[in-house]
Amino acid sequence: MQHASPSAHHAAERAARTAYGKLVAVLAVRARDIHTAEDALSEAFAEALLTWPRDGVPDSPEAWLLTAARNNLTDTQRKHTRARTTAMNDADPIRSLLWSVDPTSSPDERLTMLFVCAHPAIDPAVRTPLMLQAVMGLNAEQIAGAFITSPSTMSQRLVRAKRKLADSAVRFDRPDTDDLPSRLNDVLEAIYGAFAVAYDQFDASDGPGTTLAAESLDLVAIVTHQLPDHAEAWGLRALMLLCHARRLTRRDPHGRYVPLAEQDATMWDHALIEAGNQALENAAALKSPGRFQTEAAIQSIHTDAKIRGVDLSIHLARMHDVLVTQSPTIGSQIARAAAWTHAGHAHEALRMLDALHAESIESHQPYWAVRAAVMRSLGNHTAAATCYQRAAGLTTDQAVRRWLLDQIPAHG
């Protein structure tokens, strides 16, 4: 068996990172089946690793893969029709849809696929994971880590969800106007979920985190372009742009973690900051406040305070109060405690942390990191050291772990 050359392998890997979601979406919308589309595309990648070393990497790997996957889908369809003793002819609707795709200028069906994955027939708990896999290209292990479950359990849930879509004969198109708002929320959550994974993986090179971040930003831009009257879509776009603007300053040249307060604002991407603030203004003009807009406003205040060198900690703390009323999650409540600590109200922050249910924070790393900061602010260095050590033991990011251990008070 012939093996792919390094250049062929590189081209296939790059295509998988940059075009997987777009290709699956185009194929699935036309085949009306996610699982079949994924199988066809997987076969196409396997064919590429056999063919490209011999014939050379095509000028457009994406178009080549789409054509190969489309052929695989047609072959699969023929097998199914033969099994039913019914011949497939050129008038077959699925065949017509597949062959209507121009591989050199394929339409972007990712938003349509996101809405399909948010269909009411799908269990709400698995909608976002399904979008992350089918459209964003994350594997079950990556998704499982984000949802604190095992890869095998997540894989089973995803398989069941795809089977449910096929068995329910769900239409692979945009939802009706009445159904749009409820599904849009799930779509935005999935895009943000993918961006959060990318944020943790980002390495300032052409790696998986970089590519996933770019695709997430591309998707949220598509949403705001096609649904410009939805304020929360603009809010999410603002939030992601403002966070992405600081991507190069989250690590120092030696790979050490750098918290926002210590980052060099001159190295931030000010064009992205301006674009983020403009997106936030677009959202505000629609007069429909929501969680993503509040989170974006918090990031905007952080950015403004650092650039201008002013103390806006009280404003930030009050914005976190608003966020908790909109989205009373464990994460938002812990972030509020951190904000009030930075604003000089550590006693109040401690009361906020103590009010959380013990079982929900026992293994929650951000909780122990914030509690450590609160204890240090209160002068309880022994408790701060214990909390920093516990937080360090709960993170898999070695740069963050080193930073947390460095925060332990010398006499703690």
Protein backbone atom coordinates (compact mmCIF):
# COMPACT_ATOMS: atom_id res chain seq x y z
CA MET A 1 0.00 0.00 0.00
CA GLN A 2 1.30 3.45 -0.94
CA HIS A 3 1.71 5.97 1.84
CA ALA A 4 1.00 9.66 1.65
CA SER A 5 3.98 11.96 1.36
CA PRO A 6 4.50 14.58 4.08
CA SER A 7 3.14 17.29 1.75
CA ALA A 8 0.03 15.22 0.99
CA HIS A 9 -0.47 14.52 4.68
CA HIS A 10 -0.06 18.22 5.47
CA ALA A 11 -2.54 19.23 2.78
CA ALA A 12 -5.10 16.69 4.01
CA GLU A 13 -4.68 17.72 7.64
CA ARG A 14 -5.00 21.39 6.76
CA ALA A 15 -8.15 20.70 4.72
CA ALA A 16 -9.60 18.76 7.65
CA ARG A 17 -8.94 21.69 9.98
CA THR A 18 -10.13 24.46 7.71
CA ALA A 19 -12.90 22.92 5.60
CA TYR A 20 -14.38 19.93 7.48
CA GLY A 21 -17.44 21.70 8.83
CA LYS A 22 -18.20 23.46 5.56
CA LEU A 23 -17.91 20.23 3.56
CA VAL A 24 -20.03 18.17 5.96
CA ALA A 25 -22.69 20.88 5.98
CA VAL A 26 -22.90 21.05 2.16
CA LEU A 27 -23.15 17.27 1.90
CA ALA A 28 -25.52 16.72 4.84
CA VAL A 29 -27.99 19.40 3.75
CA ARG A 30 -28.29 17.72 0.38
CA ALA A 31 -28.16 14.08 1.54
CA ARG A 32 -30.41 14.94 4.53
CA ASP A 33 -28.29 12.76 6.79
CA ILE A 34 -25.32 13.85 8.93
CA HIS A 35 -23.92 10.37 9.54
CA THR A 36 -23.94 9.46 5.83
CA ALA A 37 -22.28 12.77 4.95
CA GLU A 38 -19.54 12.23 7.55
CA ASP A 39 -18.88 8.70 6.28
CA ALA A 40 -18.66 9.93 2.68
CA LEU A 41 -16.22 12.67 3.64
CA SER A 42 -14.09 10.27 5.70
CA GLU A 43 -13.82 8.00 2.66
CA ALA A 44 -12.85 11.02 0.58
CA PHE A 45 -10.00 11.85 2.96
CA ALA A 46 -8.83 8.24 2.82
CA GLU A 47 -8.88 8.39 -0.99
CA ALA A 48 -6.90 11.63 -0.88
CA LEU A 49 -4.11 10.03 1.15
CA LEU A 50 -3.83 7.31 -1.50
CA THR A 51 -4.22 9.52 -4.56
CA TRP A 52 -2.44 12.78 -3.77
CA PRO A 53 1.04 11.26 -3.26
CA ARG A 54 0.77 9.70 -6.72
CA ASP A 55 -0.98 12.46 -8.67
CA GLY A 56 0.03 15.48 -6.61
CA VAL A 57 -1.97 17.67 -4.27
CA PRO A 58 -4.80 19.32 -6.25
CA ASP A 59 -4.96 23.09 -6.65
CA SER A 60 -8.14 23.10 -4.59
CA PRO A 61 -8.09 20.27 -2.01
CA GLU A 62 -11.51 21.40 -0.74
CA ALA A 63 -13.11 21.04 -4.19
CA TRP A 64 -11.41 17.66 -4.73
CA LEU A 65 -12.69 16.34 -1.40
CA LEU A 66 -16.21 17.61 -2.08
CA THR A 67 -16.29 15.89 -5.48
CA ALA A 68 -14.96 12.63 -4.03
CA ALA A 69 -17.41 12.73 -1.11
CA ARG A 70 -20.26 13.54 -3.47
CA ASN A 71 -19.36 10.50 -5.57
CA ASN A 72 -19.29 8.36 -2.42
CA LEU A 73 -22.75 9.59 -1.46
CA THR A 74 -24.09 8.77 -4.90
CA ASP A 75 -22.61 5.24 -4.68
CA THR A 76 -24.18 4.77 -1.26
CA GLN A 77 -27.52 5.93 -2.59
CA ARG A 78 -27.30 3.46 -5.49
CA LYS A 79 -26.61 0.59 -3.08
CA HIS A 80 -29.63 1.53 -0.98
CA THR A 81 -31.90 1.75 -4.00
CA ARG A 82 -30.70 -1.61 -5.33
CA ALA A 83 -31.47 -3.12 -1.93
CA ARG A 84 -35.01 -1.78 -2.34
CA THR A 85 -35.09 -3.15 -5.93
CA THR A 86 -35.83 0.37 -7.14
CA ALA A 87 -33.46 1.92 -9.63
CA MET A 88 -32.14 5.42 -9.03
CA ASN A 89 -32.34 7.57 -12.13
CA ASP A 90 -31.13 11.03 -13.00
CA ALA A 91 -34.41 12.50 -11.75
CA ASP A 92 -33.83 11.23 -8.20
CA PRO A 93 -34.10 14.31 -5.93
CA ILE A 94 -31.12 13.39 -3.74
CA ARG A 95 -28.91 12.72 -6.76
CA SER A 96 -30.00 15.99 -8.34
CA LEU A 97 -29.23 17.92 -5.19
CA LEU A 98 -25.80 16.34 -4.80
CA TRP A 99 -24.76 16.96 -8.39
CA SER A 100 -26.07 20.52 -8.33
CA VAL A 101 -23.17 21.44 -6.05
CA ASP A 102 -20.33 23.21 -7.82
CA PRO A 103 -17.17 21.99 -6.04
CA THR A 104 -15.28 25.14 -7.03
CA SER A 105 -17.83 27.48 -5.43
CA SER A 106 -19.81 25.42 -2.95
CA PRO A 107 -22.35 27.32 -0.86
CA ASP A 108 -21.78 27.76 2.85
CA GLU A 109 -24.42 25.64 4.55
CA ARG A 110 -22.92 25.72 8.04
CA LEU A 111 -25.58 28.03 9.47
CA THR A 112 -28.32 25.81 8.04
CA MET A 113 -26.68 22.78 9.65
CA LEU A 114 -26.44 24.55 12.99
CA PHE A 115 -30.18 25.16 12.90
CA VAL A 116 -30.80 21.52 11.93
CA CYS A 117 -28.83 20.36 14.96
CA ALA A 118 -30.96 22.66 17.14
CA HIS A 119 -34.19 21.00 15.98
CA PRO A 120 -36.77 20.31 18.76
CA ALA A 121 -36.54 16.58 17.96
CA ILE A 122 -33.02 16.59 19.42
CA ASP A 123 -32.52 16.38 23.18
CA PRO A 124 -31.61 19.94 24.32
CA ALA A 125 -28.63 18.56 26.26
CA VAL A 126 -27.01 17.19 23.10
CA ARG A 127 -27.80 19.98 20.62
CA THR A 128 -24.66 21.98 21.29
CA PRO A 129 -22.38 18.88 21.30
CA LEU A 130 -23.93 17.78 18.00
CA MET A 131 -23.21 21.17 16.44
CA LEU A 132 -19.66 21.13 17.76
CA GLN A 133 -19.01 17.79 16.07
CA ALA A 134 -21.05 18.02 12.86
CA VAL A 135 -20.29 21.63 11.97
CA MET A 136 -17.17 22.59 13.91
CA GLY A 137 -15.31 19.30 13.54
CA LEU A 138 -14.56 18.66 17.22
CA ASN A 139 -14.16 15.02 18.23
CA ALA A 140 -16.05 13.29 21.04
CA GLU A 141 -13.09 13.56 23.43
CA GLN A 142 -12.80 17.34 23.01
CA ILE A 143 -16.55 17.79 23.43
CA ALA A 144 -16.69 15.46 26.44
CA GLY A 145 -14.05 17.54 28.21
CA ALA A 146 -16.12 20.69 27.76
CA PHE A 147 -19.25 18.98 29.10
CA ILE A 148 -17.54 17.08 31.93
CA THR A 149 -18.45 13.59 30.75
CA SER A 150 -16.60 10.59 29.33
CA PRO A 151 -15.74 10.39 25.61
CA SER A 152 -17.61 7.08 25.28
CA THR A 153 -20.78 8.53 26.81
CA MET A 154 -20.57 11.61 24.59
CA SER A 155 -19.96 9.47 21.51
CA GLN A 156 -23.08 7.39 22.25
CA ARG A 157 -25.18 10.54 22.70
CA LEU A 158 -23.97 11.95 19.38
CA VAL A 159 -24.72 8.73 17.52
CA ARG A 160 -28.23 8.64 18.99
CA ALA A 161 -28.81 12.29 18.04
CA LYS A 162 -27.81 11.70 14.41
CA ARG A 163 -30.05 8.63 14.26
CA LYS A 164 -32.90 10.70 15.72
CA LEU A 165 -32.50 13.30 12.99
CA ALA A 166 -32.61 10.61 10.31
CA ASP A 167 -35.56 8.73 11.83
CA SER A 168 -37.59 11.91 12.42
CA ALA A 169 -37.29 12.99 8.77
CA VAL A 170 -36.20 16.46 9.91
CA ARG A 171 -36.09 19.06 7.14
CA PHE A 172 -32.53 20.17 6.44
CA ASP A 173 -33.32 23.84 5.98
CA ARG A 174 -33.75 27.06 7.96
CA PRO A 175 -36.46 27.10 10.63
CA ASP A 176 -39.66 29.08 10.25
CA THR A 177 -39.73 32.60 11.66
CA ASP A 178 -41.63 31.49 14.78
CA ASP A 179 -39.06 28.79 15.57
CA LEU A 180 -36.00 30.91 14.84
CA PRO A 181 -35.44 32.62 18.25
CA SER A 182 -35.41 29.41 20.30
CA ARG A 183 -33.08 27.64 17.89
CA LEU A 184 -30.83 30.67 17.49
CA ASN A 185 -29.97 30.59 21.19
CA ASP A 186 -28.66 27.02 20.86
CA VAL A 187 -26.72 28.01 17.74
CA LEU A 188 -25.04 30.91 19.54
CA GLU A 189 -24.19 28.67 22.50
CA ALA A 190 -22.52 26.16 20.16
CA ILE A 191 -20.46 28.83 18.41
CA TYR A 192 -19.35 30.24 21.74
CA GLY A 193 -18.60 26.72 23.01
CA ALA A 194 -16.31 26.08 20.07
CA PHE A 195 -14.63 29.46 20.57
CA ALA A 196 -14.04 28.64 24.24
CA VAL A 197 -12.35 25.36 23.27
CA ALA A 198 -10.22 27.26 20.75
CA TYR A 199 -9.33 29.84 23.41
CA ASP A 200 -7.85 27.08 25.56
CA GLN A 201 -5.98 25.53 22.60
CA PHE A 202 -4.70 28.74 21.00
CA ASP A 203 -0.94 28.65 20.41
CA ALA A 204 -0.42 31.61 18.03
CA SER A 205 0.46 29.21 15.17
CA ASP A 206 -1.51 27.36 12.52
CA GLY A 207 -2.71 24.80 15.06
CA PRO A 208 -6.16 23.44 15.91
CA GLY A 209 -7.01 26.25 18.31
CA THR A 210 -6.15 28.92 15.77
CA THR A 211 -8.23 27.29 13.05
CA LEU A 212 -11.20 26.64 15.34
CA ALA A 213 -11.16 30.24 16.57
CA ALA A 214 -11.14 31.49 12.98
CA GLU A 215 -14.06 29.23 12.05
CA SER A 216 -16.03 30.31 15.12
CA LEU A 217 -15.50 33.97 14.26
CA ASP A 218 -16.48 33.24 10.67
CA LEU A 219 -19.70 31.55 11.79
CA VAL A 220 -20.77 34.35 14.12
CA ALA A 221 -20.11 36.82 11.28
CA ILE A 222 -22.38 34.74 9.03
CA VAL A 223 -25.11 34.80 11.69
CA THR A 224 -25.01 38.58 12.08
CA HIS A 225 -24.89 39.05 8.30
CA GLN A 226 -27.88 36.80 7.63
CA LEU A 227 -29.82 37.67 10.81
CA PRO A 228 -28.88 41.32 11.43
CA ASP A 229 -31.89 42.09 13.65
CA HIS A 230 -30.92 39.68 16.45
CA ALA A 231 -29.15 41.60 19.22
CA GLU A 232 -27.62 38.59 20.99
CA ALA A 233 -25.91 37.49 17.78
CA TRP A 234 -24.21 40.90 17.64
CA GLY A 235 -23.45 40.60 21.35
CA LEU A 236 -21.70 37.27 20.85
CA ARG A 237 -19.76 38.65 17.91
CA ALA A 238 -18.61 41.57 20.07
CA LEU A 239 -17.63 39.25 22.93
CA MET A 240 -15.57 36.96 20.69
CA LEU A 241 -13.81 39.80 18.88
CA LEU A 242 -12.85 41.53 22.13
CA CYS A 243 -11.48 38.30 23.59
CA HIS A 244 -9.66 37.35 20.39
CA ALA A 245 -8.01 40.77 20.28
CA ARG A 246 -5.94 39.77 23.34
CA ARG A 247 -4.95 36.32 22.11
CA LEU A 248 -1.22 37.05 21.62
CA THR A 249 -0.72 38.42 25.14
CA ARG A 250 -2.15 35.49 27.13
CA ARG A 251 1.32 33.88 27.21
CA ASP A 252 4.72 35.53 27.54
CA PRO A 253 7.64 34.63 25.22
CA HIS A 254 8.50 31.74 27.55
CA GLY A 255 4.98 30.30 27.46
CA ARG A 256 4.00 31.49 30.93
CA TYR A 257 0.36 32.45 31.57
CA VAL A 258 -0.29 36.19 31.78
CA PRO A 259 -3.57 37.34 33.43
CA LEU A 260 -5.46 40.19 31.81
CA ALA A 261 -4.39 42.76 34.41
CA GLU A 262 -0.72 42.12 33.56
CA GLN A 263 -1.00 41.98 29.77
CA ASP A 264 0.66 44.56 27.53
CA ALA A 265 -2.24 46.49 26.00
CA THR A 266 -0.01 47.87 23.26
CA MET A 267 0.21 44.34 21.85
CA TRP A 268 -3.56 43.89 21.64
CA ASP A 269 -5.20 43.88 18.23
CA HIS A 270 -6.82 47.32 18.31
CA ALA A 271 -8.59 46.80 14.97
CA LEU A 272 -10.42 43.83 16.50
CA ILE A 273 -11.20 45.85 19.62
CA GLU A 274 -12.74 48.58 17.47
CA ALA A 275 -14.74 45.97 15.53
CA GLY A 276 -15.91 44.39 18.78
CA ASN A 277 -17.07 47.70 20.20
CA GLN A 278 -18.90 48.48 16.95
CA ALA A 279 -20.67 45.11 17.13
CA LEU A 280 -21.66 45.92 20.71
CA GLU A 281 -23.11 49.26 19.55
CA ASN A 282 -25.06 47.43 16.84
CA ALA A 283 -26.50 45.13 19.50
CA ALA A 284 -27.42 48.01 21.82
CA ALA A 285 -29.25 49.79 18.99
CA LEU A 286 -31.65 46.85 18.78
CA LYS A 287 -32.75 47.46 22.41
CA SER A 288 -33.01 43.78 23.35
CA PRO A 289 -30.47 43.18 26.14
CA GLY A 290 -29.13 39.72 26.88
CA ARG A 291 -26.35 37.68 28.37
CA PHE A 292 -23.87 37.85 25.49
CA GLN A 293 -24.22 41.61 25.28
CA THR A 294 -23.51 41.93 29.00
CA GLU A 295 -20.46 39.67 28.74
CA ALA A 296 -19.25 41.72 25.79
CA ALA A 297 -19.77 44.94 27.76
CA ILE A 298 -17.67 43.49 30.59
CA GLN A 299 -14.85 42.71 28.16
CA SER A 300 -15.14 46.17 26.64
CA ILE A 301 -14.83 47.80 30.08
CA HIS A 302 -11.80 45.63 30.90
CA THR A 303 -10.17 46.69 27.64
CA ASP A 304 -10.99 50.37 28.07
CA ALA A 305 -9.71 50.44 31.66
CA LYS A 306 -6.40 48.84 30.71
CA ILE A 307 -5.81 51.02 27.64
CA ARG A 308 -6.67 54.28 29.45
CA GLY A 309 -5.07 53.27 32.74
CA VAL A 310 -8.17 54.01 34.84
CA ASP A 311 -9.89 52.09 37.61
CA LEU A 312 -13.29 50.84 36.46
CA SER A 313 -13.51 47.96 38.95
CA ILE A 314 -16.80 49.10 40.51
CA HIS A 315 -18.39 49.40 37.07
CA LEU A 316 -17.19 45.89 36.28
CA ALA A 317 -18.54 44.48 39.52
CA ARG A 318 -21.97 46.01 38.87
CA MET A 319 -22.00 44.61 35.34
CA HIS A 320 -21.31 41.17 36.82
CA ASP A 321 -24.33 41.68 39.06
CA VAL A 322 -26.40 42.22 35.93
CA LEU A 323 -24.93 39.13 34.28
CA VAL A 324 -25.89 36.93 37.23
CA THR A 325 -29.51 38.06 36.94
CA GLN A 326 -29.48 37.16 33.23
CA SER A 327 -27.52 33.94 33.51
CA PRO A 328 -27.20 32.64 37.09
CA THR A 329 -24.65 29.95 36.29
CA ILE A 330 -21.85 28.77 38.56
CA GLY A 331 -19.38 30.47 36.25
CA SER A 332 -21.12 33.85 36.32
CA GLN A 333 -21.47 33.76 40.12
CA ILE A 334 -17.79 32.95 40.59
CA ALA A 335 -16.82 35.70 38.13
CA ARG A 336 -18.97 38.15 40.11
CA ALA A 337 -17.12 37.24 43.31
CA ALA A 338 -13.80 37.84 41.53
CA ALA A 339 -14.99 41.23 40.28
CA TRP A 340 -16.09 42.39 43.72
CA THR A 341 -12.77 41.22 45.18
CA HIS A 342 -10.90 43.37 42.64
CA ALA A 343 -13.20 46.25 43.56
CA GLY A 344 -12.07 46.03 47.18
CA HIS A 345 -15.04 44.15 48.64
CA ALA A 346 -13.52 40.78 49.49
CA HIS A 347 -15.85 40.15 52.45
CA GLU A 348 -18.88 40.47 50.16
CA ALA A 349 -17.16 38.24 47.58
CA LEU A 350 -16.58 35.57 50.23
CA ARG A 351 -20.28 35.60 51.12
CA MET A 352 -21.09 35.07 47.43
CA LEU A 353 -18.76 32.08 47.23
CA ASP A 354 -20.02 30.56 50.48
CA ALA A 355 -23.57 30.70 49.13
CA LEU A 356 -22.75 28.27 46.30
CA HIS A 357 -23.70 24.61 46.67
CA ALA A 358 -20.70 22.56 47.81
CA GLU A 359 -21.25 19.74 45.32
CA SER A 360 -21.19 22.16 42.39
CA ILE A 361 -17.78 23.61 43.22
CA GLU A 362 -15.88 20.70 44.76
CA SER A 363 -13.87 20.04 41.59
CA HIS A 364 -14.43 23.38 39.87
CA GLN A 365 -11.00 24.92 39.29
CA PRO A 366 -12.10 28.57 38.78
CA TYR A 367 -13.91 28.49 42.14
CA TRP A 368 -10.75 27.57 44.06
CA ALA A 369 -8.64 30.08 42.14
CA VAL A 370 -11.07 32.90 42.96
CA ARG A 371 -11.47 31.76 46.56
CA ALA A 372 -7.68 31.82 46.88
CA ALA A 373 -7.60 35.44 45.66
CA VAL A 374 -10.37 36.36 48.10
CA MET A 375 -8.52 34.80 51.02
CA ARG A 376 -5.30 36.55 50.07
CA SER A 377 -7.17 39.88 49.94
CA LEU A 378 -8.52 39.18 53.43
CA GLY A 379 -5.02 38.44 54.74
CA ASN A 380 -5.71 34.74 55.39
CA HIS A 381 -2.54 33.49 53.74
CA THR A 382 -2.79 29.92 55.01
CA ALA A 383 -6.25 29.47 53.49
CA ALA A 384 -5.10 31.23 50.31
CA ALA A 385 -2.18 28.81 49.92
CA THR A 386 -4.47 25.82 50.37
CA CYS A 387 -6.91 27.12 47.76
CA TYR A 388 -4.19 27.97 45.24
CA GLN A 389 -2.77 24.46 45.60
CA ARG A 390 -6.20 22.93 45.11
CA ALA A 391 -6.85 25.09 42.03
CA ALA A 392 -3.46 24.16 40.58
CA GLY A 393 -4.26 20.49 41.03
CA LEU A 394 -7.51 20.86 39.11
CA THR A 395 -6.10 22.38 35.91
CA THR A 396 -4.53 20.51 33.00
CA ASP A 397 -2.94 23.70 31.62
CA GLN A 398 0.62 23.61 32.91
CA ALA A 399 1.15 27.34 32.31
CA VAL A 400 -1.90 28.18 34.44
CA ARG A 401 -0.80 25.65 37.05
CA ARG A 402 2.61 27.32 37.37
CA TRP A 403 1.00 30.75 37.64
CA LEU A 404 -1.38 29.60 40.39
CA LEU A 405 1.45 28.07 42.42
CA ASP A 406 3.46 31.29 42.01
CA GLN A 407 0.60 33.22 43.65
CA ILE A 408 0.93 31.37 46.97
CA PRO A 409 1.92 33.95 49.59
CA ALA A 410 5.54 33.51 50.72
CA HIS A 411 4.45 33.23 54.34
CA GLY A 412 1.27 31.22 53.51
